């Protein structure tokens, strides 16, 4: 019963956004209000505690809002400087086929950025580039979100997988007393990578089918089949370094290195015309686009116009090169910058331990937020770099804040809701129902699903990861919340823990397609605020396909009795 009650805000969110087409800026304040009431009335939390965690959640939304702000600002600044026009022409020169552009920009470029930064930045950067080469804004948002799934487990230099390993380290230590944890961590990295690599060409093909069917001139999936050879070879170019890095180096570099290798390979193949489709796929003329395909803020209305002096491709791409360089330098531990910047202490961050007397441990690491460093910094560098006039700079900033407004409302209330989910419960509660009060709503939801499915838990495991990502907006948070639960449940049911936790990691990654935060971010970046419900409905399909594939691959291994435990134990 308590699991059902805990699910109510999620159910309401899905119904009003996917069923009633409510925009996120209306749906999420409602979901937060319901969660607030449940925390006070059902979970017996003190009113002041609920208020404190709400404020903490609203403050936490600054992290995501800053990422969106920075990504939009770079896009609009480059549009006003004429750089987007040059990039548009360059990609058109490589290939004028949207199918090929989708693979190069949507997947490979997005995978590289995911490996370096993570946290929603790939969709925020790749989607505008897709728009700049002629994609309908809604289509750009859709494919960027779908394709930002396979690389996610190793995003932000391996943060989601490293986090999952950290959550289960103590549990492994208890069962394998005195054993080195690194073999388990490396095994976990490997077994999350293998199904992701297998699914990689499948999810690219699914995204292409949806693009062709929903947005193509022919309204058919047939053009996607013509691109299968190109998809397969590009996927192999990505998968080989992806698996090698996961097996040999751990979680830090699979997406980063594989994305770079795949990007070079896909561009070379396209330039030489190897394996690319002979017949060009086309979107309908812009005059034939449905209104909901378009940007409500006219994000790219002038993207095809030269707004300044002709710009060289190197100069046009230089802002993104600087972004990538800064991200790599600050995320790789060897440089020493990560240890300095990744702190919530002055001058590189802000720490608020309590709000209204309630412990919240809020921290804002402004120097570590990619929206500020490097996005905003690079956006400022562009001004002298591209010799922009004051009017163009003002236009870029004005358009940015206009696009950000709707998304900010949704994120403030959405992340406040998540904060209540994560911090619900009254540890001091007594009586027959204390077992529920003592647990967070998230944990009760997950346990309810596990109890419902019993020995069929292998079907549930990745879905728990999806749910965690959906409501938190982060694969890392999903792994933080549920990795320990997945390990314990697997142990109780006699299942191989490494494979079950790997399913959690894959679930968190695929959940990026449908998580509210990412959808809001993509819509804000593409100027399609208000279309969030449409994206949730469309992206549920590839998310479920990804889940089924994961269950077949890892669940199939579990059914056969395979257990990769490095310590030779049954768990």
Protein backbone atom coordinates (compact mmCIF):
# COMPACT_ATOMS: atom_id res chain seq x y z
CA UNK A 1 0.00 0.00 0.00
CA UNK A 2 2.77 2.44 0.96
CA UNK A 3 4.60 1.69 -2.28
CA UNK A 4 1.45 2.60 -4.22
CA UNK A 5 1.07 5.84 -2.27
CA UNK A 6 4.74 6.68 -2.91
CA UNK A 7 4.17 6.17 -6.64
CA UNK A 8 1.24 8.63 -6.81
CA UNK A 9 3.32 11.75 -7.70
CA UNK A 10 5.09 9.78 -10.46
CA UNK A 11 1.81 8.43 -11.80
CA UNK A 12 0.28 11.90 -11.79
CA UNK A 13 3.34 13.33 -13.58
CA UNK A 14 3.15 10.69 -16.31
CA UNK A 15 -0.63 11.11 -16.75
CA UNK A 16 -0.67 14.91 -17.03
CA UNK A 17 2.49 15.15 -19.17
CA UNK A 18 2.13 12.13 -21.43
CA UNK A 19 -1.66 11.84 -21.38
CA UNK A 20 -2.89 15.43 -21.09
CA UNK A 21 0.08 17.14 -22.79
CA UNK A 22 0.73 19.42 -19.84
CA UNK A 23 4.07 21.24 -20.04
CA UNK A 24 6.58 20.38 -17.34
CA UNK A 25 6.29 23.87 -15.84
CA UNK A 26 2.67 23.00 -14.90
CA UNK A 27 3.02 19.28 -14.18
CA UNK A 28 6.00 19.35 -11.83
CA UNK A 29 4.69 22.00 -9.41
CA UNK A 30 1.57 19.81 -9.06
CA UNK A 31 3.67 16.67 -8.49
CA UNK A 32 5.75 18.50 -5.87
CA UNK A 33 2.60 19.65 -4.05
CA UNK A 34 1.27 16.06 -3.93
CA UNK A 35 4.63 14.81 -2.67
CA UNK A 36 4.66 17.52 0.01
CA UNK A 37 1.24 16.42 1.26
CA UNK A 38 2.20 12.73 1.28
CA UNK A 39 5.37 13.46 3.27
CA UNK A 40 3.42 15.32 5.95
CA UNK A 41 0.31 13.15 6.17
CA UNK A 42 1.50 9.61 5.33
CA UNK A 43 5.22 9.59 6.08
CA UNK A 44 4.60 11.68 9.26
CA UNK A 45 7.42 14.12 8.57
CA UNK A 46 7.48 17.40 10.54
CA UNK A 47 6.20 20.28 8.44
CA UNK A 48 9.36 22.33 8.93
CA UNK A 49 11.48 19.37 7.76
CA UNK A 50 9.50 19.08 4.54
CA UNK A 51 9.86 22.83 3.95
CA UNK A 52 13.62 22.66 4.58
CA UNK A 53 14.15 19.81 2.10
CA UNK A 54 11.96 21.63 -0.43
CA UNK A 55 14.19 24.70 -0.18
CA UNK A 56 17.25 22.47 -0.43
CA UNK A 57 15.85 20.87 -3.59
CA UNK A 58 15.09 24.24 -5.13
CA UNK A 59 18.65 25.35 -4.43
CA UNK A 60 19.93 22.07 -5.89
CA UNK A 61 18.15 22.88 -9.16
CA UNK A 62 20.78 25.61 -9.69
CA UNK A 63 23.19 22.89 -10.85
CA UNK A 64 20.99 21.83 -13.75
CA UNK A 65 19.78 25.36 -14.53
CA UNK A 66 23.38 26.52 -14.86
CA UNK A 67 24.15 23.71 -17.32
CA UNK A 68 21.14 24.68 -19.44
CA UNK A 69 22.02 28.37 -19.22
CA UNK A 70 25.58 27.75 -20.36
CA UNK A 71 24.65 25.41 -23.20
CA UNK A 72 21.96 27.74 -24.54
CA UNK A 73 24.25 30.74 -24.18
CA UNK A 74 27.00 29.10 -26.23
CA UNK A 75 24.50 28.15 -28.90
CA UNK A 76 22.94 31.60 -29.13
CA UNK A 77 26.30 33.39 -29.01
CA UNK A 78 27.65 31.23 -31.83
CA UNK A 79 24.48 31.77 -33.80
CA UNK A 80 24.81 35.52 -33.50
CA UNK A 81 28.53 35.42 -34.36
CA UNK A 82 27.94 33.41 -37.55
CA UNK A 83 29.74 30.31 -36.25
CA UNK A 84 26.60 28.16 -36.43
CA UNK A 85 26.25 29.02 -40.09
CA UNK A 86 29.79 27.82 -40.77
CA UNK A 87 29.26 24.61 -38.77
CA UNK A 88 26.02 24.05 -40.62
CA UNK A 89 27.82 24.32 -43.96
CA UNK A 90 30.64 22.07 -42.75
CA UNK A 91 28.34 19.25 -41.69
CA UNK A 92 26.39 19.65 -44.90
CA UNK A 93 29.70 19.28 -46.74
CA UNK A 94 30.51 16.07 -44.85
CA UNK A 95 27.04 14.78 -45.62
CA UNK A 96 23.75 16.43 -46.35
CA UNK A 97 21.85 13.29 -45.32
CA UNK A 98 20.12 13.70 -41.92
CA UNK A 99 20.61 9.99 -41.20
CA UNK A 100 24.39 10.32 -41.39
CA UNK A 101 24.30 13.63 -39.50
CA UNK A 102 22.30 11.93 -36.75
CA UNK A 103 25.00 9.28 -36.26
CA UNK A 104 27.90 11.77 -36.37
CA UNK A 105 26.42 14.58 -34.30
CA UNK A 106 23.68 12.91 -32.27
CA UNK A 107 25.55 9.79 -31.21
CA UNK A 108 29.33 10.15 -31.66
CA UNK A 109 29.72 13.82 -30.76
CA UNK A 110 27.17 13.35 -27.96
CA UNK A 111 29.06 10.29 -26.64
CA UNK A 112 32.33 12.23 -26.47
CA UNK A 113 30.70 15.10 -24.58
CA UNK A 114 28.94 12.60 -22.30
CA UNK A 115 32.26 10.94 -21.50
CA UNK A 116 33.79 14.29 -20.62
CA UNK A 117 30.95 16.10 -18.83
CA UNK A 118 27.76 14.06 -18.52
CA UNK A 119 24.83 15.50 -16.55
CA UNK A 120 22.65 16.39 -19.55
CA UNK A 121 25.32 18.27 -21.51
CA UNK A 122 25.29 16.01 -24.63
CA UNK A 123 21.65 16.70 -25.47
CA UNK A 124 22.19 20.36 -24.66
CA UNK A 125 25.10 20.60 -27.11
CA UNK A 126 24.27 18.01 -29.80
CA UNK A 127 20.60 18.97 -30.26
CA UNK A 128 21.36 22.59 -31.27
CA UNK A 129 23.93 21.33 -33.78
CA UNK A 130 21.30 19.04 -35.30
CA UNK A 131 18.92 22.00 -35.54
CA UNK A 132 21.64 24.03 -37.23
CA UNK A 133 21.90 21.47 -40.06
CA UNK A 134 18.16 21.47 -40.68
CA UNK A 135 16.55 19.09 -38.16
CA UNK A 136 13.11 20.07 -36.84
CA UNK A 137 13.73 21.22 -33.24
CA UNK A 138 11.48 18.53 -31.74
CA UNK A 139 13.21 15.83 -33.81
CA UNK A 140 16.62 17.10 -32.69
CA UNK A 141 15.55 16.92 -29.03
CA UNK A 142 14.10 13.42 -29.49
CA UNK A 143 17.10 11.77 -31.17
CA UNK A 144 19.64 13.55 -28.93
CA UNK A 145 17.87 12.16 -25.85
CA UNK A 146 17.49 8.62 -27.25
CA UNK A 147 21.12 8.44 -28.35
CA UNK A 148 22.37 9.78 -25.02
CA UNK A 149 21.89 6.40 -23.37
CA UNK A 150 24.64 3.92 -24.27
CA UNK A 151 27.48 6.28 -23.22
CA UNK A 152 25.80 7.41 -19.98
CA UNK A 153 27.12 4.66 -17.70
CA UNK A 154 30.60 6.11 -18.21
CA UNK A 155 29.62 9.76 -18.43
CA UNK A 156 31.47 12.53 -16.60
CA UNK A 157 34.63 10.39 -16.63
CA UNK A 158 32.85 7.31 -15.27
CA UNK A 159 30.86 8.92 -12.46
CA UNK A 160 27.67 6.74 -12.64
CA UNK A 161 29.53 3.42 -12.61
CA UNK A 162 32.09 4.59 -10.06
CA UNK A 163 29.21 5.70 -7.84
CA UNK A 164 27.48 2.31 -8.14
CA UNK A 165 30.71 0.56 -7.18
CA UNK A 166 31.18 2.88 -4.21
CA UNK A 167 27.68 2.11 -2.94
CA UNK A 168 28.29 -1.67 -2.82
CA UNK A 169 31.92 -1.62 -1.68
CA UNK A 170 31.11 -2.17 2.00
CA UNK A 171 28.69 -4.99 1.15
CA UNK A 172 31.33 -6.73 -0.94
CA UNK A 173 33.86 -6.27 1.88
CA UNK A 174 31.51 -7.98 4.35
CA UNK A 175 30.99 -10.99 2.08
CA UNK A 176 34.58 -11.21 0.80
CA UNK A 177 36.48 -10.26 3.92
CA UNK A 178 39.95 -8.86 3.23
CA UNK A 179 39.65 -9.14 -0.55
CA UNK A 180 40.77 -6.36 -2.90
CA UNK A 181 37.70 -4.51 -4.21
CA UNK A 182 39.24 -3.47 -7.55
CA UNK A 183 38.50 -6.79 -9.35
CA UNK A 184 34.82 -6.43 -8.45
CA UNK A 185 34.75 -2.80 -9.64
CA UNK A 186 36.47 -3.73 -12.90
CA UNK A 187 34.07 -6.65 -13.39
CA UNK A 188 31.09 -4.38 -12.76
CA UNK A 189 32.45 -1.92 -15.34
CA UNK A 190 32.91 -4.73 -17.86
CA UNK A 191 29.46 -6.28 -17.45
CA UNK A 192 27.70 -2.94 -17.74
CA UNK A 193 29.69 -2.20 -20.91
CA UNK A 194 29.08 -5.47 -22.77
CA UNK A 195 25.26 -5.19 -23.05
CA UNK A 196 25.60 -1.45 -23.75
CA UNK A 197 27.96 -2.20 -26.65
CA UNK A 198 25.64 -4.88 -28.06
CA UNK A 199 22.64 -2.57 -27.82
CA UNK A 200 24.53 0.39 -29.33
CA UNK A 201 23.71 -0.28 -33.04
CA UNK A 202 20.17 -1.34 -32.09
CA UNK A 203 19.37 1.93 -30.30
CA UNK A 204 20.92 4.01 -33.12
CA UNK A 205 18.73 2.13 -35.61
CA UNK A 206 15.62 2.56 -33.43
CA UNK A 207 16.25 6.31 -33.15
CA UNK A 208 16.68 6.52 -36.92
CA UNK A 209 13.45 4.57 -37.53
CA UNK A 210 11.57 6.98 -35.28
CA UNK A 211 13.11 9.99 -37.02
CA UNK A 212 12.17 8.67 -40.46
CA UNK A 213 8.67 7.62 -39.44
CA UNK A 214 7.69 10.67 -37.39
CA UNK A 215 9.56 13.46 -39.20
CA UNK A 216 10.50 12.17 -42.66
CA UNK A 217 8.89 13.27 -45.89
CA UNK A 218 7.87 9.66 -46.62
CA UNK A 219 6.59 8.90 -43.07
CA UNK A 220 8.18 5.46 -43.35
CA UNK A 221 10.92 3.50 -41.56
CA UNK A 222 12.25 2.21 -44.89
CA UNK A 223 14.98 4.91 -45.20
CA UNK A 224 16.45 3.69 -41.91
CA UNK A 225 17.10 0.21 -43.33
CA UNK A 226 19.26 1.70 -46.08
CA UNK A 227 21.57 3.08 -43.38
CA UNK A 228 22.15 -0.24 -41.54
CA UNK A 229 25.66 -0.91 -43.00
CA UNK A 230 26.85 2.58 -41.98
CA UNK A 231 25.30 2.21 -38.51
CA UNK A 232 26.94 -1.18 -37.95
CA UNK A 233 30.46 -0.10 -38.96
CA UNK A 234 30.24 3.13 -36.92
CA UNK A 235 28.93 1.16 -33.94
CA UNK A 236 31.86 -1.28 -34.21
CA UNK A 237 34.29 1.66 -34.33
CA UNK A 238 32.70 2.89 -31.10
CA UNK A 239 32.23 -0.49 -29.40
CA UNK A 240 35.79 -1.84 -29.71
CA UNK A 241 37.54 0.96 -27.73
CA UNK A 242 34.45 1.12 -25.49
CA UNK A 243 34.81 -2.50 -24.33
CA UNK A 244 38.63 -2.46 -24.27
CA UNK A 245 38.65 0.61 -22.00
CA UNK A 246 35.97 -0.88 -19.75
CA UNK A 247 37.85 -4.18 -19.37
CA UNK A 248 41.35 -2.76 -19.02
CA UNK A 249 41.09 0.76 -17.60
CA UNK A 250 37.89 0.86 -15.55
CA UNK A 251 34.92 3.26 -15.76
CA UNK A 252 36.68 6.58 -16.41
CA UNK A 253 37.39 6.48 -20.16
CA UNK A 254 35.09 4.13 -22.19
CA UNK A 255 32.68 6.81 -23.47
CA UNK A 256 35.32 9.54 -23.75
CA UNK A 257 37.76 7.53 -25.88
CA UNK A 258 35.14 5.53 -27.79
CA UNK A 259 33.22 8.71 -28.62
CA UNK A 260 36.36 10.35 -30.04
CA UNK A 261 37.37 7.28 -32.07
CA UNK A 262 33.80 6.79 -33.33
CA UNK A 263 33.48 10.48 -34.26
CA UNK A 264 36.62 10.36 -36.42
CA UNK A 265 35.59 7.04 -38.02
CA UNK A 266 32.03 8.15 -38.81
CA UNK A 267 33.25 11.43 -40.38
CA UNK A 268 35.89 9.66 -42.52
CA UNK A 269 33.35 7.10 -43.77
CA UNK A 270 30.86 9.85 -44.62
CA UNK A 271 33.44 12.00 -46.40
CA UNK A 272 34.61 9.09 -48.54
CA UNK A 273 31.07 7.92 -49.19
CA UNK A 274 31.72 4.47 -47.73
CA UNK A 275 28.59 2.52 -46.74
CA UNK A 276 26.42 5.65 -46.72
CA UNK A 277 22.96 5.39 -48.31
CA UNK A 278 22.77 6.21 -52.02
CA UNK A 279 19.38 7.91 -51.83
CA UNK A 280 19.13 11.00 -49.65
CA UNK A 281 16.59 11.13 -46.82
CA UNK A 282 14.77 14.44 -46.46
CA UNK A 283 12.57 16.23 -44.00
CA UNK A 284 9.47 17.99 -45.38
CA UNK A 285 9.84 21.64 -46.35
CA UNK A 286 9.72 23.93 -43.30
CA UNK A 287 6.38 25.27 -44.46
CA UNK A 288 4.95 21.76 -44.05
CA UNK A 289 6.24 21.22 -40.50
CA UNK A 290 3.65 20.72 -37.79
CA UNK A 291 3.59 23.56 -35.28
CA UNK A 292 4.73 21.33 -32.44
CA UNK A 293 7.86 20.39 -34.43
CA UNK A 294 9.05 23.96 -34.35
CA UNK A 295 10.81 26.06 -31.78
CA UNK A 296 8.43 28.29 -29.86
CA UNK A 297 11.29 30.75 -29.42
CA UNK A 298 12.59 30.68 -32.97
CA UNK A 299 15.88 29.18 -31.78
CA UNK A 300 17.35 28.66 -35.17
CA UNK A 301 15.33 30.85 -37.47
CA UNK A 302 18.44 32.58 -38.72
CA UNK A 303 20.89 29.75 -38.36
CA UNK A 304 21.32 29.50 -42.06
CA UNK A 305 22.15 33.17 -42.51
CA UNK A 306 25.64 34.61 -42.31
CA UNK A 307 25.45 37.19 -39.56
CA UNK A 308 29.07 38.36 -39.73
CA UNK A 309 32.21 38.05 -41.80
CA UNK A 310 32.80 34.62 -43.37
CA UNK A 311 34.32 32.38 -40.72
CA UNK A 312 36.76 29.51 -41.14
CA UNK A 313 35.66 26.07 -39.89
CA UNK A 314 38.51 26.05 -37.37
CA UNK A 315 37.42 29.37 -35.88
CA UNK A 316 33.77 28.25 -35.83
CA UNK A 317 34.62 25.01 -34.05
CA UNK A 318 37.17 26.58 -31.70
CA UNK A 319 34.60 27.25 -28.90
CA UNK A 320 33.64 23.55 -28.82
CA UNK A 321 37.31 22.54 -28.94
CA UNK A 322 37.99 24.80 -25.96
CA UNK A 323 34.95 23.35 -24.15
CA UNK A 324 36.15 19.78 -24.75
CA UNK A 325 39.73 20.62 -23.72
CA UNK A 326 38.63 22.29 -20.47
CA UNK A 327 36.28 19.41 -19.64
CA UNK A 328 39.00 16.81 -20.19
CA UNK A 329 41.63 18.76 -18.25
CA UNK A 330 39.33 19.37 -15.30
CA UNK A 331 37.81 15.86 -15.19
CA UNK A 332 40.97 13.76 -15.44
CA UNK A 333 42.33 13.27 -11.90
CA UNK A 334 45.95 13.30 -13.09
CA UNK A 335 45.88 17.07 -13.76
CA UNK A 336 45.06 17.84 -10.13
CA UNK A 337 42.33 20.32 -11.12
CA UNK A 338 39.52 17.95 -10.17
CA UNK A 339 40.61 17.83 -6.55
CA UNK A 340 40.73 21.64 -6.40
CA UNK A 341 37.50 22.45 -8.24
CA UNK A 342 35.22 19.60 -7.15
CA UNK A 343 34.56 21.00 -3.68
CA UNK A 344 31.63 22.79 -2.06
CA UNK A 345 33.86 25.20 -0.14
CA UNK A 346 34.80 28.80 -0.75
CA UNK A 347 36.06 30.07 -3.12
CA UNK A 348 35.12 27.22 -5.48
CA UNK A 349 31.78 26.34 -3.95
CA UNK A 350 29.13 27.12 -1.36
CA UNK A 351 28.10 24.86 1.52
CA UNK A 352 24.90 25.16 3.56
CA UNK A 353 24.75 22.41 6.20
CA UNK A 354 21.35 23.30 7.66
CA UNK A 355 18.15 25.08 6.59
CA UNK A 356 15.59 26.10 9.24
CA UNK A 357 17.52 23.98 11.72
CA UNK A 358 17.21 20.84 9.55
CA UNK A 359 20.33 19.09 8.31
CA UNK A 360 20.36 19.22 4.48
CA UNK A 361 24.09 19.35 3.64
CA UNK A 362 23.49 21.42 0.52
CA UNK A 363 26.49 22.27 -1.57
CA UNK A 364 26.87 24.20 -4.82
CA UNK A 365 30.15 23.48 -6.61
CA UNK A 366 30.05 26.39 -9.02
CA UNK A 367 33.58 25.79 -10.31
CA UNK A 368 32.74 22.15 -11.06
CA UNK A 369 29.46 22.89 -12.81
CA UNK A 370 30.02 22.53 -16.59
CA UNK A 371 27.40 25.22 -17.20
CA UNK A 372 29.76 27.79 -15.64
CA UNK A 373 33.16 26.26 -16.36
CA UNK A 374 33.47 25.89 -19.26
CA UNK A 375 30.15 26.88 -20.89
CA UNK A 376 29.62 30.46 -19.65
CA UNK A 377 33.36 31.15 -19.68
CA UNK A 378 33.66 29.99 -23.28
CA UNK A 379 30.54 31.97 -24.26
CA UNK A 380 32.33 35.08 -22.96
CA UNK A 381 35.53 34.13 -24.80
CA UNK A 382 33.56 33.89 -28.06
CA UNK A 383 32.80 37.64 -27.94
CA UNK A 384 36.37 38.83 -28.66
CA UNK A 385 37.27 35.61 -30.48
CA UNK A 386 34.56 36.12 -33.11
CA UNK A 387 34.70 39.92 -32.88
CA UNK A 388 31.03 40.30 -31.95
CA UNK A 389 29.26 43.63 -31.67
CA UNK A 390 27.47 44.69 -28.50
CA UNK A 391 24.06 44.35 -30.18
CA UNK A 392 24.71 40.72 -31.11
CA UNK A 393 25.95 39.90 -27.61
CA UNK A 394 22.84 41.48 -26.10
CA UNK A 395 20.61 39.57 -28.52
CA UNK A 396 22.26 36.27 -27.54
CA UNK A 397 21.81 36.88 -23.80
CA UNK A 398 18.22 38.11 -24.20
CA UNK A 399 17.23 35.04 -26.20
CA UNK A 400 18.97 32.78 -23.70
CA UNK A 401 17.05 34.05 -20.69
CA UNK A 402 13.79 33.93 -22.65
CA UNK A 403 14.36 30.26 -23.42
CA UNK A 404 15.45 29.45 -19.87
CA UNK A 405 12.40 30.84 -18.05
CA UNK A 406 9.96 27.93 -18.58
CA UNK A 407 12.57 25.27 -17.92
CA UNK A 408 13.70 26.91 -14.69
CA UNK A 409 10.19 26.70 -13.19
CA UNK A 410 9.94 23.01 -14.03
CA UNK A 411 13.38 22.21 -12.66
CA UNK A 412 12.94 24.12 -9.41
CA UNK A 413 9.82 22.13 -8.50
CA UNK A 414 10.94 18.85 -10.09
CA UNK A 415 14.19 18.66 -8.14
CA UNK A 416 12.41 19.81 -4.96
CA UNK A 417 10.09 16.82 -5.41
CA UNK A 418 13.07 14.48 -5.82
CA UNK A 419 14.65 15.88 -2.67
CA UNK A 420 11.51 14.98 -0.74
CA UNK A 421 11.55 11.47 -2.20
CA UNK A 422 15.14 11.02 -1.13
CA UNK A 423 14.75 12.47 2.36
CA UNK A 424 11.28 11.29 3.34
CA UNK A 425 10.85 9.25 6.48
CA UNK A 426 10.80 9.70 10.21
CA UNK A 427 13.51 7.60 11.86
CA UNK A 428 12.03 8.18 15.33
CA UNK A 429 8.62 6.83 14.35
CA UNK A 430 7.31 3.91 16.38
CA UNK A 431 4.54 1.37 16.07
CA UNK A 432 3.46 -1.19 13.51
CA UNK A 433 3.98 1.14 10.57
CA UNK A 434 7.42 2.41 11.63
CA UNK A 435 9.08 0.09 9.08
CA UNK A 436 7.65 2.34 6.39
CA UNK A 437 8.21 5.65 8.11
CA UNK A 438 11.86 4.76 8.65
CA UNK A 439 12.45 4.33 4.92
CA UNK A 440 12.46 6.87 2.13
CA UNK A 441 9.67 6.84 -0.39
CA UNK A 442 12.17 5.80 -3.06
CA UNK A 443 13.26 2.74 -1.12
CA UNK A 444 9.67 1.69 -0.39
CA UNK A 445 8.85 1.98 -4.10
CA UNK A 446 11.81 -0.18 -5.10
CA UNK A 447 11.13 -2.80 -2.43
CA UNK A 448 7.50 -2.94 -3.44
CA UNK A 449 8.48 -3.75 -7.01
CA UNK A 450 10.98 -6.37 -5.89
CA UNK A 451 8.46 -8.01 -3.58
CA UNK A 452 5.84 -8.02 -6.31
CA UNK A 453 8.05 -9.82 -8.83
CA UNK A 454 9.98 -12.15 -6.47
CA UNK A 455 12.15 -14.58 -8.44
CA UNK A 456 11.42 -12.65 -11.63
CA UNK A 457 13.46 -9.79 -10.19
CA UNK A 458 15.78 -9.83 -13.19
CA UNK A 459 12.92 -8.24 -15.13
CA UNK A 460 12.48 -5.56 -12.50
CA UNK A 461 16.12 -4.71 -11.87
CA UNK A 462 16.79 -2.42 -14.86
CA UNK A 463 13.35 -0.85 -14.47
CA UNK A 464 14.27 0.27 -10.95
CA UNK A 465 17.27 1.99 -12.50
CA UNK A 466 14.98 3.65 -15.04
CA UNK A 467 12.63 4.88 -12.31
CA UNK A 468 15.55 6.29 -10.35
CA UNK A 469 16.80 8.22 -13.38
CA UNK A 470 13.29 9.32 -14.37
CA UNK A 471 12.52 11.02 -11.10
CA UNK A 472 16.03 12.21 -10.21
CA UNK A 473 17.24 13.23 -13.65
CA UNK A 474 20.55 11.48 -13.19
CA UNK A 475 21.97 7.99 -13.69
CA UNK A 476 24.44 8.82 -10.93
CA UNK A 477 21.66 9.61 -8.47
CA UNK A 478 19.77 6.49 -9.53
CA UNK A 479 22.85 4.38 -8.82
CA UNK A 480 23.36 6.19 -5.52
CA UNK A 481 19.82 5.40 -4.44
CA UNK A 482 19.39 1.84 -5.65
CA UNK A 483 22.74 0.05 -6.11
CA UNK A 484 22.84 -1.12 -2.48
CA UNK A 485 19.22 -2.25 -2.68
CA UNK A 486 19.93 -4.15 -5.90
CA UNK A 487 22.95 -5.87 -4.29
CA UNK A 488 21.01 -6.87 -1.16
CA UNK A 489 18.01 -8.11 -3.11
CA UNK A 490 20.23 -10.17 -5.41
CA UNK A 491 21.95 -11.70 -2.38
CA UNK A 492 18.61 -12.62 -0.76
CA UNK A 493 17.33 -14.17 -4.00
CA UNK A 494 20.57 -16.03 -4.72
CA UNK A 495 21.32 -14.05 -7.90
CA UNK A 496 24.80 -12.94 -9.07
CA UNK A 497 25.19 -9.49 -7.56
CA UNK A 498 27.60 -8.20 -10.20
CA UNK A 499 25.14 -8.81 -13.04
CA UNK A 500 22.17 -7.41 -11.10
CA UNK A 501 24.04 -4.22 -10.18
CA UNK A 502 25.18 -3.99 -13.83
CA UNK A 503 21.49 -4.10 -14.79
CA UNK A 504 20.91 -1.20 -12.39
CA UNK A 505 23.71 0.76 -14.09
CA UNK A 506 22.24 0.06 -17.54
CA UNK A 507 18.77 0.99 -16.26
CA UNK A 508 20.02 4.34 -14.98
CA UNK A 509 21.65 4.98 -18.37
CA UNK A 510 18.58 4.16 -20.45
CA UNK A 511 16.45 6.21 -18.06
CA UNK A 512 18.16 9.32 -19.41
CA UNK A 513 15.88 9.09 -22.45
CA UNK A 514 12.78 9.75 -20.39
CA UNK A 515 13.98 11.48 -17.24
CA UNK A 516 12.14 14.72 -16.65
CA UNK A 517 15.25 16.83 -16.08
CA UNK A 518 16.89 15.85 -19.37
CA UNK A 519 13.67 16.28 -21.32
CA UNK A 520 13.14 19.73 -19.82
CA UNK A 521 16.77 20.61 -20.59
CA UNK A 522 16.54 19.41 -24.19
CA UNK A 523 13.27 21.27 -24.77
CA UNK A 524 14.72 24.44 -23.30
CA UNK A 525 17.84 24.18 -25.44
CA UNK A 526 15.85 23.49 -28.59
CA UNK A 527 13.17 26.05 -27.86
CA UNK A 528 10.42 23.44 -27.69
CA UNK A 529 9.27 24.20 -24.13
CA UNK A 530 5.78 22.75 -23.74
CA UNK A 531 6.46 19.64 -25.82
CA UNK A 532 7.87 17.62 -22.90
CA UNK A 533 4.86 15.30 -22.81
CA UNK A 534 5.28 14.39 -26.47
CA UNK A 535 8.92 13.50 -25.86
CA UNK A 536 8.09 11.30 -22.88
CA UNK A 537 5.52 9.42 -24.96
CA UNK A 538 7.87 8.94 -27.90
CA UNK A 539 10.96 8.05 -25.88
CA UNK A 540 9.22 5.41 -23.76
CA UNK A 541 9.37 3.08 -26.77
CA UNK A 542 13.19 3.03 -27.26
CA UNK A 543 13.63 2.99 -23.46
CA UNK A 544 11.56 -0.20 -23.21
CA UNK A 545 13.41 -1.74 -26.18
CA UNK A 546 16.70 -0.97 -24.41
CA UNK A 547 15.34 -2.52 -21.20
CA UNK A 548 14.19 -5.68 -22.97
CA UNK A 549 17.58 -6.08 -24.66
CA UNK A 550 19.36 -5.64 -21.31
CA UNK A 551 17.10 -8.20 -19.66
CA UNK A 552 17.68 -10.67 -22.51
CA UNK A 553 21.48 -10.26 -22.40
CA UNK A 554 22.23 -10.07 -18.68
CA UNK A 555 19.08 -11.84 -17.51
CA UNK A 556 19.84 -14.64 -19.98
CA UNK A 557 23.29 -15.07 -18.45
CA UNK A 558 21.74 -15.19 -14.97
CA UNK A 559 19.22 -17.84 -16.05
CA UNK A 560 22.04 -20.03 -17.39
CA UNK A 561 23.72 -19.90 -13.99
CA UNK A 562 26.62 -17.71 -15.08
CA UNK A 563 28.25 -15.81 -12.21
CA UNK A 564 31.32 -13.64 -12.86
CA UNK A 565 32.05 -13.11 -9.16
CA UNK A 566 35.86 -12.63 -8.97
CA UNK A 567 35.97 -14.19 -5.49
CA UNK A 568 34.42 -17.50 -6.51
CA UNK A 569 31.40 -17.08 -4.23
CA UNK A 570 27.72 -17.75 -5.09
CA UNK A 571 26.65 -14.12 -4.73
